[in-house]
Amino acid sequence: MMRLYVAEAGDLKKVEKAEMSEVLWIDLVAPSPEEVERLHAEFGIDLQDIADCLDPNERSRIEVEERYDLLVLRSLLTDERSPERIQTMPIGIMSTPKQIITVRIGAAFGAEDLCSDLKRRPKIETKEDLFLALIRRVHRDIERTVRPMERKIGAIQEVILHATSAEVAHSAFALSNGLILLNTALLSNLNAISLLSRMRQLHMTKDKLDLAEDIENDVAQLYEMTTIYREIMSNILNAYETAVSNNLSFIMKTLTTISLILILPTLVASLYGMNVDLPFQEDPNAFWYVIGISAVCVLGLWAMFRVKRIL
């Protein structure tokens, strides 16, 4: 799907029919082969670059071509079927002499989200404004996912060491996996953003350079946050595994102790079940003698284990 936008009074306005050379932003979301060919014919975009932007495993990077510059970032991908699952996807931001072209697998945000995110920022009037706005929006979505994680980690930390429910462990492992994905994506994005000065199609003023530096600092801060949260979750999961192992050891120790207590009564009963001459065999109270001996053995072993705090 291809969406075209023009800049009006600092905002982005969607246009249904217009020449691609006349618009400011060309947004391709899961484009069709016809749209890809049209983009290639109009701007000379390399088909391999478009294919890379649609590759779910593509890393963040910068490519400087003769007719355009390409910045690939890892952005957040929302899945309506499993909103708790954290996924990332590539988004290619291409800067031509007059337009910004984005190529992505899914539409995590639209023009209205882009503009609403900039109410206290310079309005979108040039392609440089749009370029920086796109970078900021990509990482603002990640930030909104990372910020509540501190509360989630605290809640998991309170519960997981005393929990036996697999559901709690599942949530903890899912959060840990999400942090690994975000941490890796942010590091890759940070390395790519630090190379923005290599791009030749952007003409940055001093104010825009300061804004780009602020964005880079924000991404670096997000990376540090996810690194800390990742280490905390790793420690929590290690503690959980230790607690599970200790609980299993306690259960096995208890079962072993009970088995030892039951061995002696079983031995006494087995002896008196043999077809040989035994003490008290002719005594009419022999059954109660066997029961008494067995009870004494059980109580003696139980008392010993209690004194030694094995039980």
Protein backbone atom coordinates (compact mmCIF):
# COMPACT_ATOMS: atom_id res chain seq x y z
CA MET A 1 0.00 0.00 0.00
CA MET A 2 1.31 3.42 -0.97
CA ARG A 3 0.27 6.60 0.84
CA LEU A 4 1.20 10.09 -0.30
CA TYR A 5 1.43 13.17 1.93
CA VAL A 6 2.10 16.84 1.38
CA ALA A 7 3.07 19.48 3.95
CA GLU A 8 0.46 22.13 4.74
CA ALA A 9 0.89 24.70 7.51
CA GLY A 10 3.41 22.50 9.27
CA ASP A 11 1.20 19.38 9.19
CA LEU A 12 1.01 16.40 6.89
CA LYS A 13 -2.03 16.04 4.66
CA LYS A 14 -2.84 12.83 2.81
CA VAL A 15 -3.55 13.16 -0.90
CA GLU A 16 -5.22 10.45 -2.92
CA LYS A 17 -3.97 11.31 -6.38
CA ALA A 18 -0.77 13.20 -6.99
CA GLU A 19 2.52 12.88 -8.75
CA MET A 20 5.18 11.33 -6.52
CA SER A 21 7.57 14.11 -7.44
CA GLU A 22 5.16 16.68 -5.94
CA VAL A 23 4.67 15.19 -2.46
CA LEU A 24 6.86 15.37 0.63
CA TRP A 25 6.35 11.86 2.07
CA ILE A 26 5.84 8.60 0.23
CA ASP A 27 4.93 5.85 2.69
CA LEU A 28 5.01 2.27 1.42
CA VAL A 29 3.58 -0.37 3.74
CA ALA A 30 3.99 -3.95 2.46
CA PRO A 31 4.14 -2.59 -1.11
CA SER A 32 2.94 -4.53 -4.13
CA PRO A 33 5.34 -5.41 -6.97
CA GLU A 34 3.72 -2.68 -9.10
CA GLU A 35 4.38 -0.03 -6.43
CA VAL A 36 7.98 -1.19 -6.06
CA GLU A 37 8.52 -0.94 -9.83
CA ARG A 38 6.95 2.51 -9.89
CA LEU A 39 9.24 3.69 -7.10
CA HIS A 40 12.25 2.23 -8.88
CA ALA A 41 11.34 3.91 -12.16
CA GLU A 42 10.58 7.31 -10.60
CA PHE A 43 13.50 7.71 -8.19
CA GLY A 44 16.00 5.05 -9.23
CA ILE A 45 15.70 3.24 -5.89
CA ASP A 46 17.65 0.01 -5.95
CA LEU A 47 15.30 -2.99 -5.82
CA GLN A 48 17.69 -4.74 -3.45
CA ASP A 49 17.44 -1.83 -0.99
CA ILE A 50 13.64 -2.10 -1.02
CA ALA A 51 13.88 -5.86 -0.50
CA ASP A 52 16.24 -5.28 2.44
CA CYS A 53 13.73 -2.90 4.06
CA LEU A 54 11.09 -5.64 3.84
CA ASP A 55 13.36 -8.30 5.33
CA PRO A 56 12.26 -8.91 8.96
CA ASN A 57 15.86 -9.63 10.00
CA GLU A 58 17.52 -6.63 8.34
CA ARG A 59 19.92 -4.75 10.60
CA SER A 60 20.10 -0.97 11.09
CA ARG A 61 22.53 0.74 8.74
CA ILE A 62 23.16 3.72 6.45
CA GLU A 63 23.68 3.54 2.69
CA VAL A 64 24.74 6.56 0.64
CA GLU A 65 23.81 6.20 -3.02
CA GLU A 66 24.12 8.60 -5.92
CA ARG A 67 20.41 9.58 -6.07
CA TYR A 68 19.31 8.94 -2.49
CA ASP A 69 20.41 8.16 1.06
CA LEU A 70 19.03 5.19 2.98
CA LEU A 71 18.68 4.85 6.75
CA VAL A 72 17.40 1.51 8.04
CA LEU A 73 16.18 1.40 11.65
CA ARG A 74 14.61 -1.30 13.80
CA SER A 75 11.13 -0.20 14.87
CA LEU A 76 8.45 -1.67 17.11
CA LEU A 77 5.97 -4.04 15.46
CA THR A 78 2.59 -4.38 17.17
CA ASP A 79 0.68 -7.61 16.80
CA GLU A 80 -3.04 -7.29 17.49
CA ARG A 81 -3.34 -11.03 18.13
CA SER A 82 -0.71 -10.97 20.90
CA PRO A 83 -0.23 -7.35 22.08
CA GLU A 84 2.01 -8.41 24.99
CA ARG A 85 4.58 -9.91 22.63
CA ILE A 86 7.43 -7.56 21.73
CA GLN A 87 8.60 -7.69 18.13
CA THR A 88 10.72 -5.43 15.95
CA MET A 89 10.78 -4.82 12.22
CA PRO A 90 12.96 -2.76 9.87
CA ILE A 91 11.85 0.58 8.48
CA GLY A 92 13.75 2.08 5.58
CA ILE A 93 13.86 5.90 5.47
CA MET A 94 15.12 7.16 2.12
CA SER A 95 16.01 10.77 1.47
CA THR A 96 15.89 12.00 -2.12
CA PRO A 97 16.57 15.62 -3.20
CA LYS A 98 12.91 16.57 -2.52
CA GLN A 99 11.09 13.67 -0.83
CA ILE A 100 11.25 11.27 2.07
CA ILE A 101 10.34 7.68 1.23
CA THR A 102 9.62 5.06 3.89
CA VAL A 103 9.39 1.33 3.24
CA ARG A 104 8.19 -1.00 5.99
CA ILE A 105 6.44 -4.30 6.57
CA GLY A 106 3.66 -3.02 8.81
CA ALA A 107 2.18 0.35 9.71
CA ALA A 108 3.06 0.91 13.37
CA PHE A 109 2.20 4.63 13.06
CA GLY A 110 0.66 7.03 10.56
CA ALA A 111 0.88 10.69 9.64
CA GLU A 112 -1.57 11.72 12.37
CA ASP A 113 0.63 10.05 14.98
CA LEU A 114 3.68 11.73 13.55
CA CYS A 115 2.17 15.20 13.79
CA SER A 116 0.58 14.71 17.21
CA ASP A 117 4.00 13.76 18.52
CA LEU A 118 5.38 17.14 17.51
CA LYS A 119 2.99 19.63 19.15
CA ARG A 120 5.83 21.18 21.10
CA ARG A 121 8.43 20.71 18.37
CA PRO A 122 9.13 22.51 15.10
CA LYS A 123 6.42 21.82 12.54
CA ILE A 124 6.99 19.63 9.49
CA GLU A 125 7.81 21.95 6.64
CA THR A 126 10.85 20.40 5.00
CA LYS A 127 12.06 16.89 4.32
CA GLU A 128 14.69 17.35 7.04
CA ASP A 129 11.89 18.03 9.56
CA LEU A 130 10.07 14.90 8.39
CA PHE A 131 13.25 12.82 8.48
CA LEU A 132 13.99 13.72 12.10
CA ALA A 133 10.31 13.30 13.02
CA LEU A 134 10.32 9.75 11.68
CA ILE A 135 13.43 8.83 13.67
CA ARG A 136 11.93 10.35 16.81
CA ARG A 137 8.62 8.53 16.32
CA VAL A 138 10.31 5.16 15.88
CA HIS A 139 12.07 5.53 19.21
CA ARG A 140 9.11 7.18 20.95
CA ASP A 141 7.14 3.96 20.37
CA ILE A 142 10.00 1.94 21.86
CA GLU A 143 10.20 4.34 24.81
CA ARG A 144 6.48 3.93 25.54
CA THR A 145 7.05 0.19 25.70
CA VAL A 146 10.19 0.41 27.86
CA ARG A 147 8.96 2.94 30.46
CA PRO A 148 6.29 0.69 32.09
CA MET A 149 8.73 -2.22 32.27
CA GLU A 150 10.13 -1.02 35.60
CA ARG A 151 6.75 -1.61 37.26
CA LYS A 152 6.35 -4.97 35.50
CA ILE A 153 9.80 -6.08 36.65
CA GLY A 154 9.03 -5.00 40.22
CA ALA A 155 5.76 -6.95 40.20
CA ILE A 156 7.44 -10.04 38.81
CA GLN A 157 10.24 -9.75 41.34
CA GLU A 158 7.74 -9.73 44.20
CA VAL A 159 5.89 -12.81 42.96
CA ILE A 160 8.26 -15.04 41.06
CA LEU A 161 10.45 -16.24 43.95
CA HIS A 162 7.39 -17.56 45.80
CA ALA A 163 5.39 -18.69 42.78
CA THR A 164 4.95 -22.17 41.42
CA SER A 165 2.60 -21.08 38.64
CA ALA A 166 3.95 -21.60 35.14
CA GLU A 167 2.04 -18.49 34.06
CA VAL A 168 4.27 -16.20 36.12
CA ALA A 169 7.41 -17.84 34.74
CA HIS A 170 6.02 -17.48 31.21
CA SER A 171 5.47 -13.73 31.69
CA ALA A 172 8.98 -13.30 33.07
CA PHE A 173 10.63 -15.16 30.21
CA ALA A 174 8.50 -13.27 27.64
CA LEU A 175 9.55 -9.93 29.17
CA SER A 176 13.19 -11.01 29.20
CA ASN A 177 13.04 -12.02 25.53
CA GLY A 178 11.39 -8.70 24.66
CA LEU A 179 14.13 -6.78 26.43
CA ILE A 180 16.78 -8.66 24.51
CA LEU A 181 15.09 -7.75 21.20
CA LEU A 182 14.68 -4.08 22.15
CA ASN A 183 18.21 -3.81 23.53
CA THR A 184 19.71 -5.26 20.35
CA ALA A 185 17.51 -3.05 18.14
CA LEU A 186 18.42 0.12 20.06
CA LEU A 187 22.14 -0.62 19.86
CA SER A 188 21.85 -1.15 16.12
CA ASN A 189 19.81 2.05 15.71
CA LEU A 190 22.25 4.05 17.83
CA ASN A 191 25.16 2.98 15.64
CA ALA A 192 23.22 3.97 12.50
CA ILE A 193 22.07 7.36 13.85
CA SER A 194 25.62 8.26 14.82
CA LEU A 195 26.49 8.14 11.10
CA LEU A 196 23.83 10.63 9.93
CA SER A 197 26.54 13.13 9.03
CA ARG A 198 27.49 10.89 6.10
CA MET A 199 24.13 11.45 4.37
CA ARG A 200 24.42 13.82 1.40
CA GLN A 201 20.74 14.42 0.58
CA LEU A 202 19.99 16.12 3.91
CA HIS A 203 20.80 19.79 4.48
CA MET A 204 20.77 20.28 8.21
CA THR A 205 20.72 23.69 9.87
CA LYS A 206 22.29 24.20 13.27
CA ASP A 207 18.91 23.79 14.99
CA LYS A 208 18.24 20.54 13.17
CA LEU A 209 21.72 19.27 14.00
CA ASP A 210 21.04 20.02 17.67
CA LEU A 211 17.72 18.16 17.38
CA ALA A 212 19.47 15.17 15.78
CA GLU A 213 21.96 15.17 18.65
CA ASP A 214 19.09 15.22 21.17
CA ILE A 215 17.51 12.24 19.40
CA GLU A 216 20.80 10.36 19.53
CA ASN A 217 21.09 11.07 23.26
CA ASP A 218 17.52 9.85 23.81
CA VAL A 219 18.26 6.62 21.95
CA ALA A 220 21.44 6.14 23.98
CA GLN A 221 19.45 6.62 27.19
CA LEU A 222 16.85 4.08 26.03
CA TYR A 223 19.64 1.63 25.25
CA GLU A 224 21.11 2.05 28.73
CA MET A 225 17.67 1.55 30.31
CA THR A 226 17.01 -1.67 28.41
CA THR A 227 20.51 -2.89 29.28
CA ILE A 228 19.82 -2.36 32.99
CA TYR A 229 16.37 -3.95 32.80
CA ARG A 230 17.83 -6.87 30.87
CA GLU A 231 20.43 -7.51 33.57
CA ILE A 232 17.78 -7.23 36.31
CA MET A 233 15.54 -9.73 34.54
CA SER A 234 18.49 -12.05 34.07
CA ASN A 235 19.19 -11.95 37.82
CA ILE A 236 15.50 -12.51 38.62
CA LEU A 237 15.31 -15.54 36.33
CA ASN A 238 18.52 -16.95 37.82
CA ALA A 239 17.02 -16.52 41.29
CA TYR A 240 13.81 -18.18 40.10
CA GLU A 241 15.73 -21.17 38.74
CA THR A 242 17.63 -21.42 42.05
CA ALA A 243 14.36 -21.30 44.02
CA VAL A 244 12.82 -24.00 41.84
CA SER A 245 15.93 -26.14 42.28
CA ASN A 246 15.84 -25.64 46.06
CA ASN A 247 12.15 -26.56 46.20
CA LEU A 248 12.84 -29.71 44.21
CA SER A 249 15.70 -30.62 46.54
CA PHE A 250 13.45 -30.12 49.57
CA ILE A 251 10.75 -32.32 48.05
CA MET A 252 13.24 -35.06 47.23
CA LYS A 253 14.71 -34.88 50.75
CA THR A 254 11.24 -35.19 52.28
CA LEU A 255 10.35 -38.17 50.09
CA THR A 256 13.65 -39.86 50.92
CA THR A 257 13.09 -39.33 54.65
CA ILE A 258 9.57 -40.77 54.48
CA SER A 259 10.93 -43.77 52.58
CA LEU A 260 13.53 -44.37 55.31
CA ILE A 261 10.87 -44.17 58.02
CA LEU A 262 8.72 -46.74 56.24
CA ILE A 263 11.59 -49.17 55.61
CA LEU A 264 11.77 -50.52 59.20
CA PRO A 265 8.02 -51.33 59.57
CA THR A 266 8.16 -52.97 56.16
CA LEU A 267 11.18 -55.02 57.25
CA VAL A 268 9.48 -56.17 60.46
CA ALA A 269 6.28 -57.10 58.63
CA SER A 270 8.31 -58.97 56.00
CA LEU A 271 10.16 -61.01 58.63
CA TYR A 272 6.94 -62.08 60.32
CA GLY A 273 5.52 -63.03 56.94
CA MET A 274 8.17 -65.73 56.42
CA ASN A 275 7.41 -69.44 56.89
CA VAL A 276 10.07 -69.97 59.59
CA ASP A 277 10.03 -70.14 63.36
CA LEU A 278 10.01 -66.65 64.86
CA PRO A 279 9.70 -65.21 68.37
CA PHE A 280 6.12 -64.77 69.65
CA GLN A 281 4.89 -66.99 66.81
CA GLU A 282 2.67 -69.03 69.12
CA ASP A 283 1.64 -66.05 71.21
CA PRO A 284 -1.99 -64.93 70.49
CA ASN A 285 -0.84 -61.27 70.78
CA ALA A 286 1.95 -61.62 68.17
CA PHE A 287 0.13 -59.32 65.74
CA TRP A 288 0.05 -56.50 68.27
CA TYR A 289 3.71 -57.08 69.10
CA VAL A 290 4.58 -56.60 65.42
CA ILE A 291 2.45 -53.45 65.25
CA GLY A 292 4.08 -52.11 68.42
CA ILE A 293 7.62 -52.76 67.17
CA SER A 294 6.79 -51.08 63.88
CA ALA A 295 5.27 -48.06 65.67
CA VAL A 296 8.34 -47.71 67.91
CA CYS A 297 10.62 -47.82 64.86
CA VAL A 298 8.57 -45.19 63.07
CA LEU A 299 8.37 -42.87 66.06
CA GLY A 300 12.08 -43.32 66.82
CA LEU A 301 13.16 -42.42 63.30
CA TRP A 302 10.68 -39.53 63.13
CA ALA A 303 11.99 -38.11 66.43
CA MET A 304 15.60 -38.45 65.25
CA PHE A 305 14.87 -36.66 61.97
CA ARG A 306 13.03 -33.90 63.84
CA VAL A 307 15.95 -33.38 66.22
CA LYS A 308 18.35 -33.15 63.29
CA ARG A 309 15.84 -30.83 61.51
CA ILE A 310 15.68 -33.04 58.48
CA LEU A 311 11.87 -32.93 58.66
